[in-house]
Amino acid sequence: MSILNSFAAEVGSGVSANTIFYVKAYPKGGVSLKYFKIIVSLLIVFAYGYSLIKNDFSYAPISSLSLSFLLIIIGVEEIQRKSNWGYLFFVVSALVIVVSIFSF
């Protein structure tokens, strides 16, 4: 809990220790979403690259699920920019989640 308190003190008075995602402290989408988007993108590239190189497509549902998480992150960023395209990203990510669940 002390890590959250130090984070709250560093960001400002608008953050409590119980806040999980505080994006407004960072301008333009937030640093935390930016790093999370990079990590998920790298996971997708490595998973699909492994599948293509080894011709083993058993990890395709996991890659699709990671892709849906990336679409959710992009949707959140678009909604924060006051764009209506963010809702489309949520619909597409829900479709990808359904397809990846039925692929397992």
C-alpha atoms as a PDB file:
ATOM      1  CA  MET A   1       0.000   0.000   0.000  1.00  0.00           C
ATOM      2  CA  SER A   2       2.937   2.333   0.516  1.00  0.00           C
ATOM      3  CA  ILE A   3       3.792   2.170  -3.180  1.00  0.00           C
ATOM      4  CA  LEU A   4       0.312   3.409  -4.052  1.00  0.00           C
ATOM      5  CA  ASN A   5       0.579   6.173  -1.470  1.00  0.00           C
ATOM      6  CA  SER A   6       3.923   7.316  -2.841  1.00  0.00           C
ATOM      7  CA  PHE A   7       2.482   7.237  -6.362  1.00  0.00           C
ATOM      8  CA  ALA A   8      -0.502   9.289  -5.201  1.00  0.00           C
ATOM      9  CA  ALA A   9       1.797  11.828  -3.551  1.00  0.00           C
ATOM     10  CA  GLU A  10       3.944  12.030  -6.682  1.00  0.00           C
ATOM     11  CA  VAL A  11       1.038  12.517  -9.082  1.00  0.00           C
ATOM     12  CA  GLY A  12      -0.897  15.011  -7.023  1.00  0.00           C
ATOM     13  CA  SER A  13      -3.753  15.494  -4.660  1.00  0.00           C
ATOM     14  CA  GLY A  14      -6.367  14.192  -7.118  1.00  0.00           C
ATOM     15  CA  VAL A  15      -5.268  10.573  -6.683  1.00  0.00           C
ATOM     16  CA  SER A  16      -6.070   8.328  -3.760  1.00  0.00           C
ATOM     17  CA  ALA A  17      -4.253   5.161  -2.776  1.00  0.00           C
ATOM     18  CA  ASN A  18      -7.237   3.102  -3.929  1.00  0.00           C
ATOM     19  CA  THR A  19      -7.069   4.351  -7.517  1.00  0.00           C
ATOM     20  CA  ILE A  20      -6.059   1.559  -9.873  1.00  0.00           C
ATOM     21  CA  PHE A  21      -5.813   3.404 -13.195  1.00  0.00           C
ATOM     22  CA  TYR A  22      -5.355   7.139 -13.072  1.00  0.00           C
ATOM     23  CA  VAL A  23      -4.942   8.326 -16.617  1.00  0.00           C
ATOM     24  CA  LYS A  24      -5.776  12.021 -16.310  1.00  0.00           C
ATOM     25  CA  ALA A  25      -2.520  12.679 -14.474  1.00  0.00           C
ATOM     26  CA  TYR A  26      -0.675  12.036 -17.717  1.00  0.00           C
ATOM     27  CA  PRO A  27      -1.392  14.121 -20.802  1.00  0.00           C
ATOM     28  CA  LYS A  28      -2.611  12.597 -24.059  1.00  0.00           C
ATOM     29  CA  GLY A  29      -3.597   9.063 -23.166  1.00  0.00           C
ATOM     30  CA  GLY A  30      -1.336   8.517 -20.224  1.00  0.00           C
ATOM     31  CA  VAL A  31       2.086   7.062 -19.806  1.00  0.00           C
ATOM     32  CA  SER A  32       0.724   3.912 -18.213  1.00  0.00           C
ATOM     33  CA  LEU A  33      -1.532   3.148 -21.190  1.00  0.00           C
ATOM     34  CA  LYS A  34       1.310   3.939 -23.570  1.00  0.00           C
ATOM     35  CA  TYR A  35       3.647   1.409 -21.951  1.00  0.00           C
ATOM     36  CA  PHE A  36       0.885  -1.168 -21.618  1.00  0.00           C
ATOM     37  CA  LYS A  37       0.054  -0.733 -25.304  1.00  0.00           C
ATOM     38  CA  ILE A  38       3.706  -1.255 -26.252  1.00  0.00           C
ATOM     39  CA  ILE A  39       3.965  -4.394 -24.118  1.00  0.00           C
ATOM     40  CA  VAL A  40       0.780  -5.904 -25.558  1.00  0.00           C
ATOM     41  CA  SER A  41       1.884  -5.013 -29.103  1.00  0.00           C
ATOM     42  CA  LEU A  42       5.210  -6.764 -28.597  1.00  0.00           C
ATOM     43  CA  LEU A  43       3.427  -9.805 -27.191  1.00  0.00           C
ATOM     44  CA  ILE A  44       1.222  -9.943 -30.290  1.00  0.00           C
ATOM     45  CA  VAL A  45       4.174  -9.583 -32.675  1.00  0.00           C
ATOM     46  CA  PHE A  46       6.176 -12.301 -30.913  1.00  0.00           C
ATOM     47  CA  ALA A  47       3.231 -14.706 -30.698  1.00  0.00           C
ATOM     48  CA  TYR A  48       2.268 -14.330 -34.357  1.00  0.00           C
ATOM     49  CA  GLY A  49       5.927 -14.374 -35.428  1.00  0.00           C
ATOM     50  CA  TYR A  50       6.498 -17.623 -33.538  1.00  0.00           C
ATOM     51  CA  SER A  51       3.396 -19.099 -35.137  1.00  0.00           C
ATOM     52  CA  LEU A  52       4.559 -18.173 -38.618  1.00  0.00           C
ATOM     53  CA  ILE A  53       8.144 -19.358 -38.180  1.00  0.00           C
ATOM     54  CA  LYS A  54       7.328 -22.678 -36.502  1.00  0.00           C
ATOM     55  CA  ASN A  55       4.063 -23.350 -38.379  1.00  0.00           C
ATOM     56  CA  ASP A  56       2.489 -24.010 -34.982  1.00  0.00           C
ATOM     57  CA  PHE A  57      -0.806 -22.167 -34.757  1.00  0.00           C
ATOM     58  CA  SER A  58      -1.799 -23.475 -31.338  1.00  0.00           C
ATOM     59  CA  TYR A  59      -1.087 -20.021 -29.855  1.00  0.00           C
ATOM     60  CA  ALA A  60      -3.452 -18.234 -32.251  1.00  0.00           C
ATOM     61  CA  PRO A  61      -6.305 -17.881 -29.710  1.00  0.00           C
ATOM     62  CA  ILE A  62      -3.925 -16.335 -27.174  1.00  0.00           C
ATOM     63  CA  SER A  63      -2.651 -13.964 -29.837  1.00  0.00           C
ATOM     64  CA  SER A  64      -6.213 -13.030 -30.757  1.00  0.00           C
ATOM     65  CA  LEU A  65      -7.034 -12.400 -27.119  1.00  0.00           C
ATOM     66  CA  SER A  66      -3.976 -10.141 -26.850  1.00  0.00           C
ATOM     67  CA  LEU A  67      -5.143  -8.328 -29.970  1.00  0.00           C
ATOM     68  CA  SER A  68      -8.523  -7.712 -28.364  1.00  0.00           C
ATOM     69  CA  PHE A  69      -6.806  -6.230 -25.278  1.00  0.00           C
ATOM     70  CA  LEU A  70      -4.852  -3.927 -27.579  1.00  0.00           C
ATOM     71  CA  LEU A  71      -8.084  -2.842 -29.260  1.00  0.00           C
ATOM     72  CA  ILE A  72      -9.600  -2.099 -25.854  1.00  0.00           C
ATOM     73  CA  ILE A  73      -6.610   0.089 -24.960  1.00  0.00           C
ATOM     74  CA  ILE A  74      -6.875   1.949 -28.254  1.00  0.00           C
ATOM     75  CA  GLY A  75     -10.617   2.361 -27.675  1.00  0.00           C
ATOM     76  CA  VAL A  76     -10.015   3.888 -24.244  1.00  0.00           C
ATOM     77  CA  GLU A  77      -7.511   6.317 -25.732  1.00  0.00           C
ATOM     78  CA  GLU A  78      -9.944   7.319 -28.479  1.00  0.00           C
ATOM     79  CA  ILE A  79     -12.753   7.885 -25.983  1.00  0.00           C
ATOM     80  CA  GLN A  80     -10.416  10.076 -23.919  1.00  0.00           C
ATOM     81  CA  ARG A  81      -9.777  12.129 -27.067  1.00  0.00           C
ATOM     82  CA  LYS A  82     -13.562  12.585 -27.360  1.00  0.00           C
ATOM     83  CA  SER A  83     -13.702  10.568 -30.574  1.00  0.00           C
ATOM     84  CA  ASN A  84     -16.623   8.307 -31.402  1.00  0.00           C
ATOM     85  CA  TRP A  85     -14.297   5.756 -33.012  1.00  0.00           C
ATOM     86  CA  GLY A  86     -13.487   4.395 -29.553  1.00  0.00           C
ATOM     87  CA  TYR A  87     -16.848   2.662 -29.334  1.00  0.00           C
ATOM     88  CA  LEU A  88     -16.140   0.883 -32.611  1.00  0.00           C
ATOM     89  CA  PHE A  89     -12.897  -0.443 -31.122  1.00  0.00           C
ATOM     90  CA  PHE A  90     -14.876  -1.875 -28.199  1.00  0.00           C
ATOM     91  CA  VAL A  91     -17.311  -3.626 -30.552  1.00  0.00           C
ATOM     92  CA  VAL A  92     -14.485  -5.075 -32.644  1.00  0.00           C
ATOM     93  CA  SER A  93     -12.605  -6.212 -29.532  1.00  0.00           C
ATOM     94  CA  ALA A  94     -15.750  -7.947 -28.245  1.00  0.00           C
ATOM     95  CA  LEU A  95     -16.029  -9.760 -31.577  1.00  0.00           C
ATOM     96  CA  VAL A  96     -12.377 -10.824 -31.400  1.00  0.00           C
ATOM     97  CA  ILE A  97     -12.847 -12.043 -27.819  1.00  0.00           C
ATOM     98  CA  VAL A  98     -15.836 -14.174 -28.857  1.00  0.00           C
ATOM     99  CA  VAL A  99     -13.883 -15.664 -31.777  1.00  0.00           C
ATOM    100  CA  SER A 100     -10.853 -16.397 -29.593  1.00  0.00           C
ATOM    101  CA  ILE A 101     -13.018 -18.065 -26.924  1.00  0.00           C
ATOM    102  CA  PHE A 102     -14.623 -20.331 -29.500  1.00  0.00           C
ATOM    103  CA  SER A 103     -11.151 -21.123 -30.910  1.00  0.00           C
ATOM    104  CA  PHE A 104      -9.962 -22.666 -27.639  1.00  0.00           C
END
